[in-house]
Amino acid sequence: MLETIDLSLKLEKSDYRQQLLELQLEARQLAHWLYQSKRSIVLVFEGWDAAGKGGSIRRLTERVDPRGFEVFPIAAPAGEDKTHHYLWRFWRRLLSPQEKQILIFDRSWYGRVMVERVEGFAAREEWQRAYREINDFERQLHEAGILVGKFWFHISPEEQLRRFKAREHTPHKTWKLTDEDWRNRDKWQAYEDAVNDMLLKTSTLQAPWTVIEGEDKRWARVKTLRTVNRLIAAERERAAAAGPVKKPKKKKKKKTTKHDKPAMN
């Protein structure tokens, strides 16, 4: 699947600036609709190391009311999270729409079928079972009225290497590069196999995957924003077509008269 992705897609700087601003302003309006409608959206950001997830998240939230979104940077489970089922730590982060309307997971429950699979942290039967568990989890989100959008940021090994080397020579970005990032490059094919399985087995009607061509950062950021906006806008149209939810009429209380009152002995 990933081998068919066109990584040559690009966006000129002038077009990028105009489209980015328009999409960010639209995102702010759509976020306000979520707030007014008491609805929420869960956004999953996955991808290769240095593929541009963080930059796209920043552009997505740049002009949105900060009171309405939360970004969860997900690392390896620790403390209490390690004592529960792997999905538990994500369930407990699902804030109500009254608190936050946009919930962004920078890495997510898909670590079970990628990192834990490739590195051997999960047994074969565990990560194979996880596809069904994850689909059930996301189906429950959908049935609860939560929108779900999932993004895989894809770049080539050559582009990743170029970005790694650039980080090495940029003082304020060196913290982003770890020994583990370098080691993961040696397992590129194993990770690619895991990603292909993930995209095939967990892209559903209620929670589809969108592959972001990330070789050009400008293209990736605009495509991400446009996809999120379309997802929310489509739900807004469905809600408008359905009309307001009619509340059941309250039964009027019958007025009592002196003749209705029970006799007192």
C-alpha atoms as a PDB file:
ATOM      1  CA  MET A   1       0.000   0.000   0.000  1.00  0.00           C
ATOM      2  CA  LEU A   2       2.664   2.547   1.004  1.00  0.00           C
ATOM      3  CA  GLU A   3       4.672   1.837  -2.151  1.00  0.00           C
ATOM      4  CA  THR A   4       1.852   3.409  -4.203  1.00  0.00           C
ATOM      5  CA  ILE A   5       1.995   6.760  -2.396  1.00  0.00           C
ATOM      6  CA  ASP A   6       3.173   9.651  -4.583  1.00  0.00           C
ATOM      7  CA  LEU A   7       5.843  11.434  -2.555  1.00  0.00           C
ATOM      8  CA  SER A   8       6.566  13.965  -5.298  1.00  0.00           C
ATOM      9  CA  LEU A   9       3.516  16.090  -4.414  1.00  0.00           C
ATOM     10  CA  LYS A  10       4.514  19.645  -3.538  1.00  0.00           C
ATOM     11  CA  LEU A  11       3.032  23.053  -2.828  1.00  0.00           C
ATOM     12  CA  GLU A  12       4.635  26.373  -3.731  1.00  0.00           C
ATOM     13  CA  LYS A  13       5.307  28.755  -0.866  1.00  0.00           C
ATOM     14  CA  SER A  14       2.912  31.452  -2.121  1.00  0.00           C
ATOM     15  CA  ASP A  15       0.073  28.953  -2.542  1.00  0.00           C
ATOM     16  CA  TYR A  16       0.902  27.434   0.816  1.00  0.00           C
ATOM     17  CA  ARG A  17       0.595  30.690   2.731  1.00  0.00           C
ATOM     18  CA  GLN A  18      -2.757  31.567   1.172  1.00  0.00           C
ATOM     19  CA  GLN A  19      -4.275  28.098   1.535  1.00  0.00           C
ATOM     20  CA  LEU A  20      -2.951  27.639   5.059  1.00  0.00           C
ATOM     21  CA  LEU A  21      -4.530  30.876   6.277  1.00  0.00           C
ATOM     22  CA  GLU A  22      -7.881  30.098   4.650  1.00  0.00           C
ATOM     23  CA  LEU A  23      -7.938  26.604   6.119  1.00  0.00           C
ATOM     24  CA  GLN A  24      -6.905  27.790   9.580  1.00  0.00           C
ATOM     25  CA  LEU A  25      -9.713  30.362   9.646  1.00  0.00           C
ATOM     26  CA  GLU A  26     -12.161  27.681   8.526  1.00  0.00           C
ATOM     27  CA  ALA A  27     -10.848  25.350  11.232  1.00  0.00           C
ATOM     28  CA  ARG A  28     -11.521  28.021  13.849  1.00  0.00           C
ATOM     29  CA  GLN A  29     -15.151  28.322  12.704  1.00  0.00           C
ATOM     30  CA  LEU A  30     -15.618  24.551  12.645  1.00  0.00           C
ATOM     31  CA  ALA A  31     -14.089  24.229  16.116  1.00  0.00           C
ATOM     32  CA  HIS A  32     -16.641  26.759  17.336  1.00  0.00           C
ATOM     33  CA  TRP A  33     -19.419  24.646  15.795  1.00  0.00           C
ATOM     34  CA  LEU A  34     -18.129  21.644  17.761  1.00  0.00           C
ATOM     35  CA  TYR A  35     -18.282  23.754  20.914  1.00  0.00           C
ATOM     36  CA  GLN A  36     -21.802  24.981  20.229  1.00  0.00           C
ATOM     37  CA  SER A  37     -23.001  21.503  19.283  1.00  0.00           C
ATOM     38  CA  LYS A  38     -21.310  19.818  22.256  1.00  0.00           C
ATOM     39  CA  ARG A  39     -19.492  17.453  19.905  1.00  0.00           C
ATOM     40  CA  SER A  40     -15.895  16.309  19.859  1.00  0.00           C
ATOM     41  CA  ILE A  41     -13.352  14.880  17.445  1.00  0.00           C
ATOM     42  CA  VAL A  42     -10.446  12.543  18.131  1.00  0.00           C
ATOM     43  CA  LEU A  43      -7.449  12.946  15.814  1.00  0.00           C
ATOM     44  CA  VAL A  44      -4.698  10.338  15.657  1.00  0.00           C
ATOM     45  CA  PHE A  45      -1.273  11.339  14.321  1.00  0.00           C
ATOM     46  CA  GLU A  46       1.078   8.498  13.416  1.00  0.00           C
ATOM     47  CA  GLY A  47       3.997   8.333  11.007  1.00  0.00           C
ATOM     48  CA  TRP A  48       7.706   7.835  10.510  1.00  0.00           C
ATOM     49  CA  ASP A  49      10.125   9.639  12.811  1.00  0.00           C
ATOM     50  CA  ALA A  50      10.719  13.200  11.511  1.00  0.00           C
ATOM     51  CA  ALA A  51       7.784  12.898   9.088  1.00  0.00           C
ATOM     52  CA  GLY A  52       6.239  16.212  10.169  1.00  0.00           C
ATOM     53  CA  LYS A  53       3.509  15.256  12.634  1.00  0.00           C
ATOM     54  CA  GLY A  54       4.389  17.967  15.145  1.00  0.00           C
ATOM     55  CA  GLY A  55       4.513  20.722  12.532  1.00  0.00           C
ATOM     56  CA  SER A  56       1.113  19.745  11.172  1.00  0.00           C
ATOM     57  CA  ILE A  57      -0.398  19.680  14.667  1.00  0.00           C
ATOM     58  CA  ARG A  58       0.921  23.183  15.332  1.00  0.00           C
ATOM     59  CA  ARG A  59      -0.573  24.536  12.092  1.00  0.00           C
ATOM     60  CA  LEU A  60      -3.869  22.818  12.805  1.00  0.00           C
ATOM     61  CA  THR A  61      -4.218  24.388  16.254  1.00  0.00           C
ATOM     62  CA  GLU A  62      -2.513  27.730  15.589  1.00  0.00           C
ATOM     63  CA  ARG A  63      -5.712  29.789  15.206  1.00  0.00           C
ATOM     64  CA  VAL A  64      -8.105  27.587  17.164  1.00  0.00           C
ATOM     65  CA  ASP A  65      -9.299  28.683  20.611  1.00  0.00           C
ATOM     66  CA  PRO A  66      -6.754  27.016  22.946  1.00  0.00           C
ATOM     67  CA  ARG A  67      -9.505  26.363  25.477  1.00  0.00           C
ATOM     68  CA  GLY A  68     -11.106  23.923  23.050  1.00  0.00           C
ATOM     69  CA  PHE A  69      -8.319  21.475  22.240  1.00  0.00           C
ATOM     70  CA  GLU A  70      -5.832  19.209  23.977  1.00  0.00           C
ATOM     71  CA  VAL A  71      -2.713  17.557  22.540  1.00  0.00           C
ATOM     72  CA  PHE A  72      -1.603  14.302  24.148  1.00  0.00           C
ATOM     73  CA  PRO A  73       2.041  13.389  23.376  1.00  0.00           C
ATOM     74  CA  ILE A  74       2.110   9.629  23.890  1.00  0.00           C
ATOM     75  CA  ALA A  75       5.252   7.807  25.018  1.00  0.00           C
ATOM     76  CA  ALA A  76       5.779   4.296  26.393  1.00  0.00           C
ATOM     77  CA  PRO A  77       3.336   3.474  29.204  1.00  0.00           C
ATOM     78  CA  ALA A  78       4.637   4.070  32.708  1.00  0.00           C
ATOM     79  CA  GLY A  79       3.367   3.913  36.268  1.00  0.00           C
ATOM     80  CA  GLU A  80      -0.339   3.188  36.605  1.00  0.00           C
ATOM     81  CA  ASP A  81      -0.753   2.977  32.821  1.00  0.00           C
ATOM     82  CA  LYS A  82       1.395  -0.173  32.761  1.00  0.00           C
ATOM     83  CA  THR A  83      -0.907  -1.981  35.177  1.00  0.00           C
ATOM     84  CA  HIS A  84      -3.967  -1.793  32.903  1.00  0.00           C
ATOM     85  CA  HIS A  85      -5.039  -2.946  29.446  1.00  0.00           C
ATOM     86  CA  TYR A  86      -3.165  -0.914  26.820  1.00  0.00           C
ATOM     87  CA  LEU A  87      -6.329   0.931  25.744  1.00  0.00           C
ATOM     88  CA  TRP A  88      -7.126   2.105  29.278  1.00  0.00           C
ATOM     89  CA  ARG A  89      -4.723   5.042  29.216  1.00  0.00           C
ATOM     90  CA  PHE A  90      -6.440   6.354  26.110  1.00  0.00           C
ATOM     91  CA  TRP A  91      -9.977   5.851  27.429  1.00  0.00           C
ATOM     92  CA  ARG A  92      -9.174   7.965  30.455  1.00  0.00           C
ATOM     93  CA  ARG A  93      -7.931  10.823  28.290  1.00  0.00           C
ATOM     94  CA  LEU A  94     -11.220  11.132  26.410  1.00  0.00           C
ATOM     95  CA  LEU A  95     -12.410  14.414  27.860  1.00  0.00           C
ATOM     96  CA  SER A  96     -16.060  15.392  27.482  1.00  0.00           C
ATOM     97  CA  PRO A  97     -17.062  17.990  24.837  1.00  0.00           C
ATOM     98  CA  GLN A  98     -17.822  20.393  27.684  1.00  0.00           C
ATOM     99  CA  GLU A  99     -14.106  20.385  28.508  1.00  0.00           C
ATOM    100  CA  LYS A 100     -12.372  19.947  25.125  1.00  0.00           C
ATOM    101  CA  GLN A 101     -13.788  19.483  21.642  1.00  0.00           C
ATOM    102  CA  ILE A 102     -10.605  18.540  19.758  1.00  0.00           C
ATOM    103  CA  LEU A 103      -8.494  15.729  21.205  1.00  0.00           C
ATOM    104  CA  ILE A 104      -5.196  15.168  19.395  1.00  0.00           C
ATOM    105  CA  PHE A 105      -3.069  12.089  20.019  1.00  0.00           C
ATOM    106  CA  ASP A 106       0.557  12.484  18.925  1.00  0.00           C
ATOM    107  CA  ARG A 107       1.172   8.716  18.763  1.00  0.00           C
ATOM    108  CA  SER A 108      -1.635   6.503  19.967  1.00  0.00           C
ATOM    109  CA  TRP A 109      -3.072   3.045  20.638  1.00  0.00           C
ATOM    110  CA  TYR A 110      -1.596   1.984  17.298  1.00  0.00           C
ATOM    111  CA  GLY A 111       1.721   1.482  19.040  1.00  0.00           C
ATOM    112  CA  ARG A 112       0.362  -1.970  19.865  1.00  0.00           C
ATOM    113  CA  VAL A 113       0.426  -3.069  16.220  1.00  0.00           C
ATOM    114  CA  MET A 114       3.583  -1.190  15.255  1.00  0.00           C
ATOM    115  CA  VAL A 115       6.277  -0.587  17.885  1.00  0.00           C
ATOM    116  CA  GLU A 116       5.161  -3.383  20.205  1.00  0.00           C
ATOM    117  CA  ARG A 117       4.856  -5.780  17.273  1.00  0.00           C
ATOM    118  CA  VAL A 118       8.203  -4.972  15.671  1.00  0.00           C
ATOM    119  CA  GLU A 119      10.190  -4.686  18.907  1.00  0.00           C
ATOM    120  CA  GLY A 120       8.656  -7.825  20.414  1.00  0.00           C
ATOM    121  CA  PHE A 121       7.010  -6.033  23.356  1.00  0.00           C
ATOM    122  CA  ALA A 122       3.708  -7.760  22.544  1.00  0.00           C
ATOM    123  CA  ALA A 123       3.277 -11.461  21.800  1.00  0.00           C
ATOM    124  CA  ARG A 124       2.072 -12.386  18.324  1.00  0.00           C
ATOM    125  CA  GLU A 125      -1.411 -13.309  19.548  1.00  0.00           C
ATOM    126  CA  GLU A 126      -1.617  -9.991  21.445  1.00  0.00           C
ATOM    127  CA  TRP A 127      -0.899  -7.682  18.524  1.00  0.00           C
ATOM    128  CA  GLN A 128      -2.992  -9.774  16.151  1.00  0.00           C
ATOM    129  CA  ARG A 129      -5.928  -9.539  18.558  1.00  0.00           C
ATOM    130  CA  ALA A 130      -5.381  -5.775  18.807  1.00  0.00           C
ATOM    131  CA  TYR A 131      -6.785  -5.085  15.323  1.00  0.00           C
ATOM    132  CA  ARG A 132     -10.230  -6.233  16.469  1.00  0.00           C
ATOM    133  CA  GLU A 133      -9.879  -4.496  19.847  1.00  0.00           C
ATOM    134  CA  ILE A 134      -8.956  -1.201  18.189  1.00  0.00           C
ATOM    135  CA  ASN A 135     -11.793  -1.401  15.659  1.00  0.00           C
ATOM    136  CA  ASP A 136     -14.234  -2.071  18.513  1.00  0.00           C
ATOM    137  CA  PHE A 137     -12.786   0.842  20.490  1.00  0.00           C
ATOM    138  CA  GLU A 138     -13.155   3.265  17.590  1.00  0.00           C
ATOM    139  CA  ARG A 139     -16.644   1.955  16.798  1.00  0.00           C
ATOM    140  CA  GLN A 140     -17.672   2.783  20.351  1.00  0.00           C
ATOM    141  CA  LEU A 141     -16.294   6.307  19.928  1.00  0.00           C
ATOM    142  CA  HIS A 142     -18.341   6.691  16.755  1.00  0.00           C
ATOM    143  CA  GLU A 143     -21.498   5.384  18.401  1.00  0.00           C
ATOM    144  CA  ALA A 144     -20.989   7.899  21.207  1.00  0.00           C
ATOM    145  CA  GLY A 145     -21.075  10.710  18.633  1.00  0.00           C
ATOM    146  CA  ILE A 146     -17.313  11.310  18.563  1.00  0.00           C
ATOM    147  CA  LEU A 147     -15.707  11.969  15.170  1.00  0.00           C
ATOM    148  CA  VAL A 148     -12.486  10.086  14.464  1.00  0.00           C
ATOM    149  CA  GLY A 149      -9.739  11.070  12.014  1.00  0.00           C
ATOM    150  CA  LYS A 150      -6.472   9.154  11.614  1.00  0.00           C
ATOM    151  CA  PHE A 151      -3.332  10.253   9.778  1.00  0.00           C
ATOM    152  CA  TRP A 152      -0.235   8.367   8.703  1.00  0.00           C
ATOM    153  CA  PHE A 153       2.640  10.691   7.711  1.00  0.00           C
ATOM    154  CA  HIS A 154       4.714   9.016   5.051  1.00  0.00           C
ATOM    155  CA  ILE A 155       8.208   9.928   3.869  1.00  0.00           C
ATOM    156  CA  SER A 156      11.002   8.019   2.155  1.00  0.00           C
ATOM    157  CA  PRO A 157      14.024   6.619   4.047  1.00  0.00           C
ATOM    158  CA  GLU A 158      16.205   9.073   2.125  1.00  0.00           C
ATOM    159  CA  GLU A 159      14.148  12.084   3.227  1.00  0.00           C
ATOM    160  CA  GLN A 160      14.155  10.850   6.811  1.00  0.00           C
ATOM    161  CA  LEU A 161      17.949  10.571   6.742  1.00  0.00           C
ATOM    162  CA  ARG A 162      18.229  14.109   5.388  1.00  0.00           C
ATOM    163  CA  ARG A 163      16.015  15.429   8.210  1.00  0.00           C
ATOM    164  CA  PHE A 164      17.933  13.484  10.845  1.00  0.00           C
ATOM    165  CA  LYS A 165      21.205  15.022   9.691  1.00  0.00           C
ATOM    166  CA  ALA A 166      19.631  18.484   9.625  1.00  0.00           C
ATOM    167  CA  ARG A 167      18.500  18.007  13.225  1.00  0.00           C
ATOM    168  CA  GLU A 168      21.997  16.969  14.245  1.00  0.00           C
ATOM    169  CA  HIS A 169      23.323  20.333  13.079  1.00  0.00           C
ATOM    170  CA  THR A 170      20.465  22.487  14.422  1.00  0.00           C
ATOM    171  CA  PRO A 171      21.040  23.196  18.143  1.00  0.00           C
ATOM    172  CA  HIS A 172      17.393  23.828  19.030  1.00  0.00           C
ATOM    173  CA  LYS A 173      16.299  20.604  17.301  1.00  0.00           C
ATOM    174  CA  THR A 174      18.922  18.109  18.487  1.00  0.00           C
ATOM    175  CA  TRP A 175      16.665  17.042  21.379  1.00  0.00           C
ATOM    176  CA  LYS A 176      14.257  15.558  18.817  1.00  0.00           C
ATOM    177  CA  LEU A 177      16.828  13.012  17.668  1.00  0.00           C
ATOM    178  CA  THR A 178      17.538   9.926  19.792  1.00  0.00           C
ATOM    179  CA  ASP A 179      19.587   6.756  19.481  1.00  0.00           C
ATOM    180  CA  GLU A 180      16.315   4.886  19.131  1.00  0.00           C
ATOM    181  CA  ASP A 181      15.449   6.933  16.011  1.00  0.00           C
ATOM    182  CA  TRP A 182      18.665   5.736  14.368  1.00  0.00           C
ATOM    183  CA  ARG A 183      18.064   2.119  15.402  1.00  0.00           C
ATOM    184  CA  ASN A 184      14.555   2.179  13.953  1.00  0.00           C
ATOM    185  CA  ARG A 185      15.985   2.926  10.529  1.00  0.00           C
ATOM    186  CA  ASP A 186      17.568  -0.534  10.529  1.00  0.00           C
ATOM    187  CA  LYS A 187      14.064  -2.020  10.872  1.00  0.00           C
ATOM    188  CA  TRP A 188      12.417   0.093   8.162  1.00  0.00           C
ATOM    189  CA  GLN A 189      11.020  -2.882   6.230  1.00  0.00           C
ATOM    190  CA  ALA A 190       9.599  -4.518   9.344  1.00  0.00           C
ATOM    191  CA  TYR A 191       7.875  -1.269  10.305  1.00  0.00           C
ATOM    192  CA  GLU A 192       6.584  -0.769   6.777  1.00  0.00           C
ATOM    193  CA  ASP A 193       5.057  -4.251   6.809  1.00  0.00           C
ATOM    194  CA  ALA A 194       3.387  -3.442  10.144  1.00  0.00           C
ATOM    195  CA  VAL A 195       2.044  -0.128   8.829  1.00  0.00           C
ATOM    196  CA  ASN A 196       0.613  -1.743   5.698  1.00  0.00           C
ATOM    197  CA  ASP A 197      -1.205  -4.312   7.855  1.00  0.00           C
ATOM    198  CA  MET A 198      -2.459  -1.557  10.151  1.00  0.00           C
ATOM    199  CA  LEU A 199      -3.847   0.553   7.305  1.00  0.00           C
ATOM    200  CA  LEU A 200      -5.508  -2.469   5.721  1.00  0.00           C
ATOM    201  CA  LYS A 201      -7.097  -3.877   8.874  1.00  0.00           C
ATOM    202  CA  THR A 202      -8.123  -0.751  10.780  1.00  0.00           C
ATOM    203  CA  SER A 203      -9.360   1.689   8.140  1.00  0.00           C
ATOM    204  CA  THR A 204     -13.140   1.657   8.583  1.00  0.00           C
ATOM    205  CA  LEU A 205     -16.065   3.789   7.443  1.00  0.00           C
ATOM    206  CA  GLN A 206     -16.371   5.388  10.868  1.00  0.00           C
ATOM    207  CA  ALA A 207     -12.620   5.806  11.395  1.00  0.00           C
ATOM    208  CA  PRO A 208     -10.756   5.950   8.062  1.00  0.00           C
ATOM    209  CA  TRP A 209      -7.021   6.415   7.640  1.00  0.00           C
ATOM    210  CA  THR A 210      -5.640   9.277   5.576  1.00  0.00           C
ATOM    211  CA  VAL A 211      -2.083   8.855   4.292  1.00  0.00           C
ATOM    212  CA  ILE A 212      -0.254  12.199   4.224  1.00  0.00           C
ATOM    213  CA  GLU A 213       2.455  12.546   1.589  1.00  0.00           C
ATOM    214  CA  GLY A 214       5.058  14.146   3.839  1.00  0.00           C
ATOM    215  CA  GLU A 215       8.093  14.653   1.635  1.00  0.00           C
ATOM    216  CA  ASP A 216       7.049  18.279   1.200  1.00  0.00           C
ATOM    217  CA  LYS A 217       6.085  19.760   4.576  1.00  0.00           C
ATOM    218  CA  ARG A 218       3.916  22.473   3.084  1.00  0.00           C
ATOM    219  CA  TRP A 219       1.835  19.929   1.179  1.00  0.00           C
ATOM    220  CA  ALA A 220       1.497  17.756   4.294  1.00  0.00           C
ATOM    221  CA  ARG A 221       0.291  20.578   6.526  1.00  0.00           C
ATOM    222  CA  VAL A 222      -2.312  21.815   4.062  1.00  0.00           C
ATOM    223  CA  LYS A 223      -3.617  18.330   3.308  1.00  0.00           C
ATOM    224  CA  THR A 224      -3.952  17.562   7.014  1.00  0.00           C
ATOM    225  CA  LEU A 225      -5.894  20.747   7.715  1.00  0.00           C
ATOM    226  CA  ARG A 226      -8.140  20.269   4.694  1.00  0.00           C
ATOM    227  CA  THR A 227      -8.931  16.690   5.683  1.00  0.00           C
ATOM    228  CA  VAL A 228      -9.837  17.646   9.257  1.00  0.00           C
ATOM    229  CA  ASN A 229     -12.014  20.512   8.037  1.00  0.00           C
ATOM    230  CA  ARG A 230     -13.858  18.287   5.583  1.00  0.00           C
ATOM    231  CA  LEU A 231     -14.504  15.715   8.271  1.00  0.00           C
ATOM    232  CA  ILE A 232     -16.074  18.247  10.634  1.00  0.00           C
ATOM    233  CA  ALA A 233     -17.908  20.109   7.860  1.00  0.00           C
ATOM    234  CA  ALA A 234     -19.480  16.867   6.611  1.00  0.00           C
ATOM    235  CA  GLU A 235     -20.766  16.136  10.100  1.00  0.00           C
ATOM    236  CA  ARG A 236     -22.118  19.669  10.399  1.00  0.00           C
ATOM    237  CA  GLU A 237     -24.042  19.174   7.149  1.00  0.00           C
ATOM    238  CA  ARG A 238     -25.443  15.849   8.357  1.00  0.00           C
ATOM    239  CA  ALA A 239     -26.539  17.441  11.612  1.00  0.00           C
ATOM    240  CA  ALA A 240     -28.199  20.331   9.757  1.00  0.00           C
ATOM    241  CA  ALA A 241     -30.033  17.925   7.434  1.00  0.00           C
ATOM    242  CA  ALA A 242     -31.265  15.877  10.377  1.00  0.00           C
ATOM    243  CA  GLY A 243     -32.584  18.981  12.096  1.00  0.00           C
ATOM    244  CA  PRO A 244     -32.690  19.679  15.806  1.00  0.00           C
ATOM    245  CA  VAL A 245     -33.244  16.755  18.111  1.00  0.00           C
ATOM    246  CA  LYS A 246     -36.821  16.885  19.340  1.00  0.00           C
ATOM    247  CA  LYS A 247     -37.159  16.520  23.046  1.00  0.00           C
ATOM    248  CA  PRO A 248     -40.126  14.521  24.302  1.00  0.00           C
ATOM    249  CA  LYS A 249     -42.960  16.745  25.453  1.00  0.00           C
ATOM    250  CA  LYS A 250     -43.466  16.906  29.152  1.00  0.00           C
ATOM    251  CA  LYS A 251     -46.861  15.801  30.350  1.00  0.00           C
ATOM    252  CA  LYS A 252     -48.814  18.659  31.796  1.00  0.00           C
ATOM    253  CA  LYS A 253     -49.663  18.197  35.400  1.00  0.00           C
ATOM    254  CA  LYS A 254     -53.380  18.043  36.010  1.00  0.00           C
ATOM    255  CA  LYS A 255     -54.538  20.896  38.180  1.00  0.00           C
ATOM    256  CA  THR A 256     -56.224  19.707  41.317  1.00  0.00           C
ATOM    257  CA  THR A 257     -59.359  21.295  42.701  1.00  0.00           C
ATOM    258  CA  LYS A 258     -60.930  21.022  46.077  1.00  0.00           C
ATOM    259  CA  HIS A 259     -63.200  18.288  44.691  1.00  0.00           C
ATOM    260  CA  ASP A 260     -60.113  16.222  43.683  1.00  0.00           C
ATOM    261  CA  LYS A 261     -58.553  16.329  47.113  1.00  0.00           C
ATOM    262  CA  PRO A 262     -58.987  13.242  49.271  1.00  0.00           C
ATOM    263  CA  ALA A 263     -61.426  13.568  52.120  1.00  0.00           C
ATOM    264  CA  MET A 264     -59.882  13.994  55.545  1.00  0.00           C
ATOM    265  CA  ASN A 265     -61.326  11.917  58.378  1.00  0.00           C
END
